[in-house]
Amino acid sequence: ERRKDLARIVRKQAEDFRIVIRNVRRDSVEEL
């Protein structure tokens, strides 16, 4: 059960970091 919880946490963290990457893209394109 704890392993499944950790896997869920890791997936959430990965999605948060994907969003940060997309935000960097958005900001860079706006600057261009």
Full PDB file with SEQRES, HELIX, SHEET, SSBOND, CRYST1, ORIGX, SCALE, CONECT and MASTER records, all heavy atoms in Angstrom:
SEQRES   1 A   32  GLU ARG ARG LYS ASP LEU ALA ARG ILE VAL ARG LYS GLN          
SEQRES   2 A   32  ALA GLU ASP PHE ARG ILE VAL ILE ARG ASN VAL ARG ARG          
SEQRES   3 A   32  ASP SER VAL GLU GLU LEU                                      
HELIX    1 AA1 ARG A    2  GLU A   31  1                                  30    
CRYST1    1.000    1.000    1.000  90.00  90.00  90.00 P 1           1          
ORIGX1      1.000000  0.000000  0.000000        0.00000                         
ORIGX2      0.000000  1.000000  0.000000        0.00000                         
ORIGX3      0.000000  0.000000  1.000000        0.00000                         
SCALE1      1.000000  0.000000  0.000000        0.00000                         
SCALE2      0.000000  1.000000  0.000000        0.00000                         
SCALE3      0.000000  0.000000  1.000000        0.00000                         
ATOM      1  N   GLU A   1       0.833  -1.207   0.000  1.00  0.00           N  
ATOM      2  CA  GLU A   1       0.000   0.000   0.000  1.00  0.00           C  
ATOM      3  C   GLU A   1       0.869   1.259   0.000  1.00  0.00           C  
ATOM      4  O   GLU A   1       0.603   2.219  -0.726  1.00  0.00           O  
ATOM      5  CB  GLU A   1      -0.919  -0.008   1.225  1.00  0.00           C  
ATOM      6  CG  GLU A   1      -1.924   1.114   1.216  1.00  0.00           C  
ATOM      7  CD  GLU A   1      -2.893   1.024   2.389  1.00  0.00           C  
ATOM      8  OE1 GLU A   1      -3.383  -0.086   2.680  1.00  0.00           O  
ATOM      9  OE2 GLU A   1      -3.129   2.079   2.995  1.00  0.00           O  
ATOM     10  N   ARG A   2       1.924   1.257   0.821  1.00  0.00           N  
ATOM     11  CA  ARG A   2       2.823   2.408   0.895  1.00  0.00           C  
ATOM     12  C   ARG A   2       3.561   2.600  -0.440  1.00  0.00           C  
ATOM     13  O   ARG A   2       3.772   3.721  -0.878  1.00  0.00           O  
ATOM     14  CB  ARG A   2       3.815   2.231   2.042  1.00  0.00           C  
ATOM     15  CG  ARG A   2       4.793   3.367   2.194  1.00  0.00           C  
ATOM     16  CD  ARG A   2       4.112   4.665   2.572  1.00  0.00           C  
ATOM     17  NE  ARG A   2       5.106   5.722   2.692  1.00  0.00           N  
ATOM     18  CZ  ARG A   2       4.908   6.967   2.320  1.00  0.00           C  
ATOM     19  NH1 ARG A   2       3.737   7.347   1.881  1.00  0.00           N  
ATOM     20  NH2 ARG A   2       5.856   7.853   2.436  1.00  0.00           N  
ATOM     21  N   ARG A   3       3.921   1.506  -1.084  1.00  0.00           N  
ATOM     22  CA  ARG A   3       4.582   1.598  -2.390  1.00  0.00           C  
ATOM     23  C   ARG A   3       3.654   2.262  -3.411  1.00  0.00           C  
ATOM     24  O   ARG A   3       4.079   3.099  -4.196  1.00  0.00           O  
ATOM     25  CB  ARG A   3       4.990   0.214  -2.886  1.00  0.00           C  
ATOM     26  CG  ARG A   3       6.151  -0.387  -2.144  1.00  0.00           C  
ATOM     27  CD  ARG A   3       6.488  -1.786  -2.674  1.00  0.00           C  
ATOM     28  NE  ARG A   3       7.395  -2.467  -1.810  1.00  0.00           N  
ATOM     29  CZ  ARG A   3       8.715  -2.304  -1.803  1.00  0.00           C  
ATOM     30  NH1 ARG A   3       9.255  -1.456  -2.639  1.00  0.00           N  
ATOM     31  NH2 ARG A   3       9.478  -2.965  -0.970  1.00  0.00           N  
ATOM     32  N   LYS A   4       2.374   1.886  -3.384  1.00  0.00           N  
ATOM     33  CA  LYS A   4       1.409   2.484  -4.312  1.00  0.00           C  
ATOM     34  C   LYS A   4       1.240   3.977  -4.017  1.00  0.00           C  
ATOM     35  O   LYS A   4       1.135   4.781  -4.934  1.00  0.00           O  
ATOM     36  CB  LYS A   4       0.069   1.755  -4.223  1.00  0.00           C  
ATOM     37  CG  LYS A   4       0.107   0.378  -4.843  1.00  0.00           C  
ATOM     38  CD  LYS A   4      -1.218  -0.337  -4.709  1.00  0.00           C  
ATOM     39  CE  LYS A   4      -1.136  -1.741  -5.295  1.00  0.00           C  
ATOM     40  NZ  LYS A   4      -2.361  -2.498  -5.077  1.00  0.00           N  
ATOM     41  N   ASP A   5       1.208   4.327  -2.721  1.00  0.00           N  
ATOM     42  CA  ASP A   5       1.120   5.744  -2.342  1.00  0.00           C  
ATOM     43  C   ASP A   5       2.333   6.514  -2.851  1.00  0.00           C  
ATOM     44  O   ASP A   5       2.200   7.622  -3.382  1.00  0.00           O  
ATOM     45  CB  ASP A   5       1.025   5.896  -0.818  1.00  0.00           C  
ATOM     46  CG  ASP A   5      -0.321   5.466  -0.268  1.00  0.00           C  
ATOM     47  OD1 ASP A   5      -1.277   5.332  -1.059  1.00  0.00           O  
ATOM     48  OD2 ASP A   5      -0.416   5.258   0.966  1.00  0.00           O  
ATOM     49  N   LEU A   6       3.516   5.926  -2.670  1.00  0.00           N  
ATOM     50  CA  LEU A   6       4.742   6.586  -3.135  1.00  0.00           C  
ATOM     51  C   LEU A   6       4.727   6.751  -4.652  1.00  0.00           C  
ATOM     52  O   LEU A   6       5.130   7.797  -5.171  1.00  0.00           O  
ATOM     53  CB  LEU A   6       5.976   5.792  -2.712  1.00  0.00           C  
ATOM     54  CG  LEU A   6       6.421   5.953  -1.265  1.00  0.00           C  
ATOM     55  CD1 LEU A   6       7.548   4.984  -0.949  1.00  0.00           C  
ATOM     56  CD2 LEU A   6       6.852   7.376  -0.980  1.00  0.00           C  
ATOM     57  N   ALA A   7       4.259   5.731  -5.365  1.00  0.00           N  
ATOM     58  CA  ALA A   7       4.175   5.816  -6.826  1.00  0.00           C  
ATOM     59  C   ALA A   7       3.232   6.949  -7.233  1.00  0.00           C  
ATOM     60  O   ALA A   7       3.523   7.711  -8.167  1.00  0.00           O  
ATOM     61  CB  ALA A   7       3.716   4.488  -7.411  1.00  0.00           C  
ATOM     62  N   ARG A   8       2.131   7.080  -6.520  1.00  0.00           N  
ATOM     63  CA  ARG A   8       1.177   8.160  -6.795  1.00  0.00           C  
ATOM     64  C   ARG A   8       1.837   9.524  -6.540  1.00  0.00           C  
ATOM     65  O   ARG A   8       1.688  10.462  -7.341  1.00  0.00           O  
ATOM     66  CB  ARG A   8      -0.050   7.982  -5.896  1.00  0.00           C  
ATOM     67  CG  ARG A   8      -1.314   8.553  -6.460  1.00  0.00           C  
ATOM     68  CD  ARG A   8      -2.558   8.205  -5.655  1.00  0.00           C  
ATOM     69  NE  ARG A   8      -2.757   6.758  -5.515  1.00  0.00           N  
ATOM     70  CZ  ARG A   8      -2.792   6.115  -4.350  1.00  0.00           C  
ATOM     71  NH1 ARG A   8      -2.685   6.763  -3.219  1.00  0.00           N  
ATOM     72  NH2 ARG A   8      -2.971   4.815  -4.304  1.00  0.00           N  
ATOM     73  N   ILE A   9       2.572   9.622  -5.444  1.00  0.00           N  
ATOM     74  CA  ILE A   9       3.265  10.877  -5.104  1.00  0.00           C  
ATOM     75  C   ILE A   9       4.278  11.232  -6.185  1.00  0.00           C  
ATOM     76  O   ILE A   9       4.371  12.382  -6.619  1.00  0.00           O  
ATOM     77  CB  ILE A   9       3.949  10.752  -3.724  1.00  0.00           C  
ATOM     78  CG1 ILE A   9       2.891  10.718  -2.616  1.00  0.00           C  
ATOM     79  CG2 ILE A   9       4.939  11.887  -3.490  1.00  0.00           C  
ATOM     80  CD1 ILE A   9       3.432  10.300  -1.255  1.00  0.00           C  
ATOM     81  N   VAL A  10       5.030  10.243  -6.637  1.00  0.00           N  
ATOM     82  CA  VAL A  10       6.048  10.469  -7.662  1.00  0.00           C  
ATOM     83  C   VAL A  10       5.403  10.921  -8.972  1.00  0.00           C  
ATOM     84  O   VAL A  10       5.899  11.833  -9.631  1.00  0.00           O  
ATOM     85  CB  VAL A  10       6.887   9.178  -7.862  1.00  0.00           C  
ATOM     86  CG1 VAL A  10       7.727   9.250  -9.110  1.00  0.00           C  
ATOM     87  CG2 VAL A  10       7.772   8.950  -6.655  1.00  0.00           C  
ATOM     88  N   ARG A  11       4.292  10.306  -9.346  1.00  0.00           N  
ATOM     89  CA  ARG A  11       3.598  10.721 -10.573  1.00  0.00           C  
ATOM     90  C   ARG A  11       3.117  12.172 -10.457  1.00  0.00           C  
ATOM     91  O   ARG A  11       3.209  12.941 -11.413  1.00  0.00           O  
ATOM     92  CB  ARG A  11       2.428   9.788 -10.871  1.00  0.00           C  
ATOM     93  CG  ARG A  11       2.868   8.456 -11.468  1.00  0.00           C  
ATOM     94  CD  ARG A  11       1.697   7.659 -12.031  1.00  0.00           C  
ATOM     95  NE  ARG A  11       0.781   7.197 -10.982  1.00  0.00           N  
ATOM     96  CZ  ARG A  11       0.926   6.060 -10.303  1.00  0.00           C  
ATOM     97  NH1 ARG A  11       1.944   5.269 -10.551  1.00  0.00           N  
ATOM     98  NH2 ARG A  11       0.054   5.721  -9.382  1.00  0.00           N  
ATOM     99  N   LYS A  12       2.607  12.540  -9.297  1.00  0.00           N  
ATOM    100  CA  LYS A  12       2.143  13.914  -9.069  1.00  0.00           C  
ATOM    101  C   LYS A  12       3.317  14.891  -9.169  1.00  0.00           C  
ATOM    102  O   LYS A  12       3.207  15.950  -9.802  1.00  0.00           O  
ATOM    103  CB  LYS A  12       1.478  13.999  -7.682  1.00  0.00           C  
ATOM    104  CG  LYS A  12       1.214  15.392  -7.177  1.00  0.00           C  
ATOM    105  CD  LYS A  12      -0.099  15.952  -7.678  1.00  0.00           C  
ATOM    106  CE  LYS A  12      -0.460  17.243  -7.005  1.00  0.00           C  
ATOM    107  NZ  LYS A  12       0.123  18.425  -7.610  1.00  0.00           N  
ATOM    108  N   GLN A  13       4.445  14.531  -8.541  1.00  0.00           N  
ATOM    109  CA  GLN A  13       5.627  15.399  -8.622  1.00  0.00           C  
ATOM    110  C   GLN A  13       6.087  15.551 -10.065  1.00  0.00           C  
ATOM    111  O   GLN A  13       6.417  16.662 -10.499  1.00  0.00           O  
ATOM    112  CB  GLN A  13       6.776  14.828  -7.784  1.00  0.00           C  
ATOM    113  CG  GLN A  13       6.611  15.016  -6.301  1.00  0.00           C  
ATOM    114  CD  GLN A  13       7.784  14.417  -5.524  1.00  0.00           C  
ATOM    115  OE1 GLN A  13       8.397  13.447  -5.946  1.00  0.00           O  
ATOM    116  NE2 GLN A  13       8.067  14.992  -4.382  1.00  0.00           N  
ATOM    117  N   ALA A  14       6.101  14.460 -10.807  1.00  0.00           N  
ATOM    118  CA  ALA A  14       6.524  14.518 -12.212  1.00  0.00           C  
ATOM    119  C   ALA A  14       5.603  15.448 -13.005  1.00  0.00           C  
ATOM    120  O   ALA A  14       6.081  16.256 -13.807  1.00  0.00           O  
ATOM    121  CB  ALA A  14       6.532  13.118 -12.820  1.00  0.00           C  
ATOM    122  N   GLU A  15       4.304  15.356 -12.768  1.00  0.00           N  
ATOM    123  CA  GLU A  15       3.367  16.233 -13.471  1.00  0.00           C  
ATOM    124  C   GLU A  15       3.609  17.694 -13.100  1.00  0.00           C  
ATOM    125  O   GLU A  15       3.577  18.581 -13.964  1.00  0.00           O  
ATOM    126  CB  GLU A  15       1.915  15.835 -13.181  1.00  0.00           C  
ATOM    127  CG  GLU A  15       0.891  16.653 -13.948  1.00  0.00           C  
ATOM    128  CD  GLU A  15       1.101  16.660 -15.465  1.00  0.00           C  
ATOM    129  OE1 GLU A  15       1.538  15.639 -16.036  1.00  0.00           O  
ATOM    130  OE2 GLU A  15       0.824  17.713 -16.087  1.00  0.00           O  
ATOM    131  N   ASP A  16       3.881  17.956 -11.818  1.00  0.00           N  
ATOM    132  CA  ASP A  16       4.185  19.327 -11.396  1.00  0.00           C  
ATOM    133  C   ASP A  16       5.414  19.868 -12.131  1.00  0.00           C  
ATOM    134  O   ASP A  16       5.444  21.026 -12.552  1.00  0.00           O  
ATOM    135  CB  ASP A  16       4.413  19.383  -9.883  1.00  0.00           C  
ATOM    136  CG  ASP A  16       3.147  19.126  -9.088  1.00  0.00           C  
ATOM    137  OD1 ASP A  16       2.035  19.178  -9.669  1.00  0.00           O  
ATOM    138  OD2 ASP A  16       3.259  18.863  -7.867  1.00  0.00           O  
ATOM    139  N   PHE A  17       6.424  19.021 -12.301  1.00  0.00           N  
ATOM    140  CA  PHE A  17       7.635  19.455 -12.994  1.00  0.00           C  
ATOM    141  C   PHE A  17       7.396  19.608 -14.498  1.00  0.00           C  
ATOM    142  O   PHE A  17       7.988  20.479 -15.122  1.00  0.00           O  
ATOM    143  CB  PHE A  17       8.804  18.510 -12.696  1.00  0.00           C  
ATOM    144  CG  PHE A  17       9.424  18.767 -11.353  1.00  0.00           C  
ATOM    145  CD1 PHE A  17       9.053  18.016 -10.247  1.00  0.00           C  
ATOM    146  CD2 PHE A  17      10.354  19.780 -11.181  1.00  0.00           C  
ATOM    147  CE1 PHE A  17       9.606  18.265  -8.998  1.00  0.00           C  
ATOM    148  CE2 PHE A  17      10.914  20.039  -9.939  1.00  0.00           C  
ATOM    149  CZ  PHE A  17      10.539  19.284  -8.842  1.00  0.00           C  
ATOM    150  N   ARG A  18       6.523  18.799 -15.078  1.00  0.00           N  
ATOM    151  CA  ARG A  18       6.149  18.988 -16.491  1.00  0.00           C  
ATOM    152  C   ARG A  18       5.501  20.362 -16.673  1.00  0.00           C  
ATOM    153  O   ARG A  18       5.758  21.057 -17.658  1.00  0.00           O  
ATOM    154  CB  ARG A  18       5.176  17.906 -16.953  1.00  0.00           C  
ATOM    155  CG  ARG A  18       5.811  16.570 -17.206  1.00  0.00           C  
ATOM    156  CD  ARG A  18       4.778  15.618 -17.841  1.00  0.00           C  
ATOM    157  NE  ARG A  18       5.137  14.258 -17.586  1.00  0.00           N  
ATOM    158  CZ  ARG A  18       4.564  13.451 -16.688  1.00  0.00           C  
ATOM    159  NH1 ARG A  18       3.552  13.862 -15.970  1.00  0.00           N  
ATOM    160  NH2 ARG A  18       4.981  12.223 -16.522  1.00  0.00           N  
ATOM    161  N   ILE A  19       4.649  20.721 -15.717  1.00  0.00           N  
ATOM    162  CA  ILE A  19       3.977  22.029 -15.778  1.00  0.00           C  
ATOM    163  C   ILE A  19       5.011  23.153 -15.709  1.00  0.00           C  
ATOM    164  O   ILE A  19       4.919  24.139 -16.445  1.00  0.00           O  
ATOM    165  CB  ILE A  19       2.925  22.145 -14.650  1.00  0.00           C  
ATOM    166  CG1 ILE A  19       1.748  21.204 -14.945  1.00  0.00           C  
ATOM    167  CG2 ILE A  19       2.442  23.587 -14.490  1.00  0.00           C  
ATOM    168  CD1 ILE A  19       0.789  21.017 -13.792  1.00  0.00           C  
ATOM    169  N   VAL A  20       6.011  22.999 -14.854  1.00  0.00           N  
ATOM    170  CA  VAL A  20       7.060  24.022 -14.747  1.00  0.00           C  
ATOM    171  C   VAL A  20       7.798  24.152 -16.084  1.00  0.00           C  
ATOM    172  O   VAL A  20       8.059  25.267 -16.550  1.00  0.00           O  
ATOM    173  CB  VAL A  20       8.044  23.697 -13.596  1.00  0.00           C  
ATOM    174  CG1 VAL A  20       9.219  24.658 -13.600  1.00  0.00           C  
ATOM    175  CG2 VAL A  20       7.327  23.747 -12.258  1.00  0.00           C  
ATOM    176  N   ILE A  21       8.104  23.020 -16.712  1.00  0.00           N  
ATOM    177  CA  ILE A  21       8.782  23.040 -18.026  1.00  0.00           C  
ATOM    178  C   ILE A  21       7.908  23.770 -19.054  1.00  0.00           C  
ATOM    179  O   ILE A  21       8.385  24.620 -19.811  1.00  0.00           O  
ATOM    180  CB  ILE A  21       9.096  21.603 -18.508  1.00  0.00           C  
ATOM    181  CG1 ILE A  21      10.143  20.934 -17.625  1.00  0.00           C  
ATOM    182  CG2 ILE A  21       9.511  21.591 -19.985  1.00  0.00           C  
ATOM    183  CD1 ILE A  21      11.559  21.403 -17.808  1.00  0.00           C  
ATOM    184  N   ARG A  22       6.612  23.467 -19.042  1.00  0.00           N  
ATOM    185  CA  ARG A  22       5.701  24.136 -19.991  1.00  0.00           C  
ATOM    186  C   ARG A  22       5.610  25.633 -19.711  1.00  0.00           C  
ATOM    187  O   ARG A  22       5.480  26.443 -20.639  1.00  0.00           O  
ATOM    188  CB  ARG A  22       4.312  23.501 -19.934  1.00  0.00           C  
ATOM    189  CG  ARG A  22       4.296  22.103 -20.507  1.00  0.00           C  
ATOM    190  CD  ARG A  22       2.886  21.519 -20.500  1.00  0.00           C  
ATOM    191  NE  ARG A  22       2.940  20.092 -20.679  1.00  0.00           N  
ATOM    192  CZ  ARG A  22       2.514  19.200 -19.786  1.00  0.00           C  
ATOM    193  NH1 ARG A  22       1.973  19.591 -18.651  1.00  0.00           N  
ATOM    194  NH2 ARG A  22       2.618  17.915 -20.028  1.00  0.00           N  
ATOM    195  N   ASN A  23       5.666  26.010 -18.438  1.00  0.00           N  
ATOM    196  CA  ASN A  23       5.657  27.431 -18.089  1.00  0.00           C  
ATOM    197  C   ASN A  23       6.907  28.135 -18.602  1.00  0.00           C  
ATOM    198  O   ASN A  23       6.842  29.284 -19.052  1.00  0.00           O  
ATOM    199  CB  ASN A  23       5.515  27.623 -16.581  1.00  0.00           C  
ATOM    200  CG  ASN A  23       4.129  27.282 -16.079  1.00  0.00           C  
ATOM    201  OD1 ASN A  23       3.167  27.207 -16.846  1.00  0.00           O  
ATOM    202  ND2 ASN A  23       4.026  27.053 -14.781  1.00  0.00           N  
ATOM    203  N   VAL A  24       8.045  27.454 -18.524  1.00  0.00           N  
ATOM    204  CA  VAL A  24       9.283  28.019 -19.070  1.00  0.00           C  
ATOM    205  C   VAL A  24       9.112  28.224 -20.574  1.00  0.00           C  
ATOM    206  O   VAL A  24       9.483  29.271 -21.114  1.00  0.00           O  
ATOM    207  CB  VAL A  24      10.500  27.097 -18.779  1.00  0.00           C  
ATOM    208  CG1 VAL A  24      11.727  27.551 -19.562  1.00  0.00           C  
ATOM    209  CG2 VAL A  24      10.801  27.048 -17.297  1.00  0.00           C  
ATOM    210  N   ARG A  25       8.523  27.226 -21.251  1.00  0.00           N  
ATOM    211  CA  ARG A  25       8.268  27.353 -22.693  1.00  0.00           C  
ATOM    212  C   ARG A  25       7.387  28.564 -22.967  1.00  0.00           C  
ATOM    213  O   ARG A  25       7.690  29.387 -23.838  1.00  0.00           O  
ATOM    214  CB  ARG A  25       7.599  26.085 -23.236  1.00  0.00           C  
ATOM    215  CG  ARG A  25       7.211  26.219 -24.717  1.00  0.00           C  
ATOM    216  CD  ARG A  25       6.312  25.119 -25.210  1.00  0.00           C  
ATOM    217  NE  ARG A  25       5.078  25.100 -24.434  1.00  0.00           N  
ATOM    218  CZ  ARG A  25       4.233  24.085 -24.411  1.00  0.00           C  
ATOM    219  NH1 ARG A  25       4.472  22.996 -25.094  1.00  0.00           N  
ATOM    220  NH2 ARG A  25       3.133  24.147 -23.693  1.00  0.00           N  
ATOM    221  N   ARG A  26       6.282  28.671 -22.233  1.00  0.00           N  
ATOM    222  CA  ARG A  26       5.340  29.783 -22.442  1.00  0.00           C  
ATOM    223  C   ARG A  26       6.038  31.127 -22.259  1.00  0.00           C  
ATOM    224  O   ARG A  26       5.912  32.029 -23.092  1.00  0.00           O  
ATOM    225  CB  ARG A  26       4.170  29.655 -21.466  1.00  0.00           C  
ATOM    226  CG  ARG A  26       3.098  30.734 -21.674  1.00  0.00           C  
ATOM    227  CD  ARG A  26       2.197  30.884 -20.479  1.00  0.00           C  
ATOM    228  NE  ARG A  26       2.979  31.347 -19.345  1.00  0.00           N  
ATOM    229  CZ  ARG A  26       2.865  30.890 -18.106  1.00  0.00           C  
ATOM    230  NH1 ARG A  26       1.988  29.979 -17.812  1.00  0.00           N  
ATOM    231  NH2 ARG A  26       3.627  31.366 -17.133  1.00  0.00           N  
ATOM    232  N   ASP A  27       6.797  31.266 -21.168  1.00  0.00           N  
ATOM    233  CA  ASP A  27       7.486  32.531 -20.898  1.00  0.00           C  
ATOM    234  C   ASP A  27       8.501  32.865 -21.990  1.00  0.00           C  
ATOM    235  O   ASP A  27       8.631  34.026 -22.403  1.00  0.00           O  
ATOM    236  CB  ASP A  27       8.186  32.481 -19.538  1.00  0.00           C  
ATOM    237  CG  ASP A  27       7.204  32.374 -18.376  1.00  0.00           C  
ATOM    238  OD1 ASP A  27       5.989  32.623 -18.578  1.00  0.00           O  
ATOM    239  OD2 ASP A  27       7.650  32.030 -17.256  1.00  0.00           O  
ATOM    240  N   SER A  28       9.210  31.848 -22.474  1.00  0.00           N  
ATOM    241  CA  SER A  28      10.217  32.065 -23.516  1.00  0.00           C  
ATOM    242  C   SER A  28       9.561  32.490 -24.831  1.00  0.00           C  
ATOM    243  O   SER A  28      10.053  33.400 -25.503  1.00  0.00           O  
ATOM    244  CB  SER A  28      11.033  30.792 -23.731  1.00  0.00           C  
ATOM    245  OG  SER A  28      11.720  30.456 -22.552  1.00  0.00           O  
ATOM    246  N   VAL A  29       8.463  31.839 -25.173  1.00  0.00           N  
ATOM    247  CA  VAL A  29       7.756  32.192 -26.409  1.00  0.00           C  
ATOM    248  C   VAL A  29       7.190  33.610 -26.296  1.00  0.00           C  
ATOM    249  O   VAL A  29       7.257  34.394 -27.255  1.00  0.00           O  
ATOM    250  CB  VAL A  29       6.655  31.154 -26.735  1.00  0.00           C  
ATOM    251  CG1 VAL A  29       5.739  31.651 -27.843  1.00  0.00           C  
ATOM    252  CG2 VAL A  29       7.289  29.827 -27.125  1.00  0.00           C  
ATOM    253  N   GLU A  30       6.662  33.964 -25.139  1.00  0.00           N  
ATOM    254  CA  GLU A  30       6.141  35.330 -24.945  1.00  0.00           C  
ATOM    255  C   GLU A  30       7.261  36.358 -25.104  1.00  0.00           C  
ATOM    256  O   GLU A  30       7.051  37.419 -25.696  1.00  0.00           O  
ATOM    257  CB  GLU A  30       5.494  35.460 -23.560  1.00  0.00           C  
ATOM    258  CG  GLU A  30       4.129  34.827 -23.468  1.00  0.00           C  
ATOM    259  CD  GLU A  30       3.536  34.885 -22.062  1.00  0.00           C  
ATOM    260  OE1 GLU A  30       4.137  35.523 -21.157  1.00  0.00           O  
ATOM    261  OE2 GLU A  30       2.456  34.294 -21.870  1.00  0.00           O  
ATOM    262  N   GLU A  31       8.442  36.027 -24.584  1.00  0.00           N  
ATOM    263  CA  GLU A  31       9.580  36.940 -24.713  1.00  0.00           C  
ATOM    264  C   GLU A  31       9.974  37.091 -26.190  1.00  0.00           C  
ATOM    265  O   GLU A  31      10.268  38.200 -26.644  1.00  0.00           O  
ATOM    266  CB  GLU A  31      10.767  36.429 -23.889  1.00  0.00           C  
ATOM    267  CG  GLU A  31      11.983  37.316 -23.938  1.00  0.00           C  
ATOM    268  CD  GLU A  31      11.760  38.724 -23.418  1.00  0.00           C  
ATOM    269  OE1 GLU A  31      10.937  38.927 -22.503  1.00  0.00           O  
ATOM    270  OE2 GLU A  31      12.408  39.653 -23.948  1.00  0.00           O  
ATOM    271  N   LEU A  32       9.961  35.981 -26.925  1.00  0.00           N  
ATOM    272  CA  LEU A  32      10.269  36.056 -28.365  1.00  0.00           C  
ATOM    273  C   LEU A  32       9.235  36.923 -29.099  1.00  0.00           C  
ATOM    274  O   LEU A  32       9.594  37.739 -29.949  1.00  0.00           O  
ATOM    275  CB  LEU A  32      10.298  34.655 -28.979  1.00  0.00           C  
ATOM    276  CG  LEU A  32      11.514  33.793 -28.673  1.00  0.00           C  
ATOM    277  CD1 LEU A  32      11.310  32.385 -29.195  1.00  0.00           C  
ATOM    278  CD2 LEU A  32      12.769  34.410 -29.272  1.00  0.00           C  
TER     279      LEU A  32                                                      
MASTER        0    0    0    1    0    0    0    6  278    1    0    3          
END                                                                             
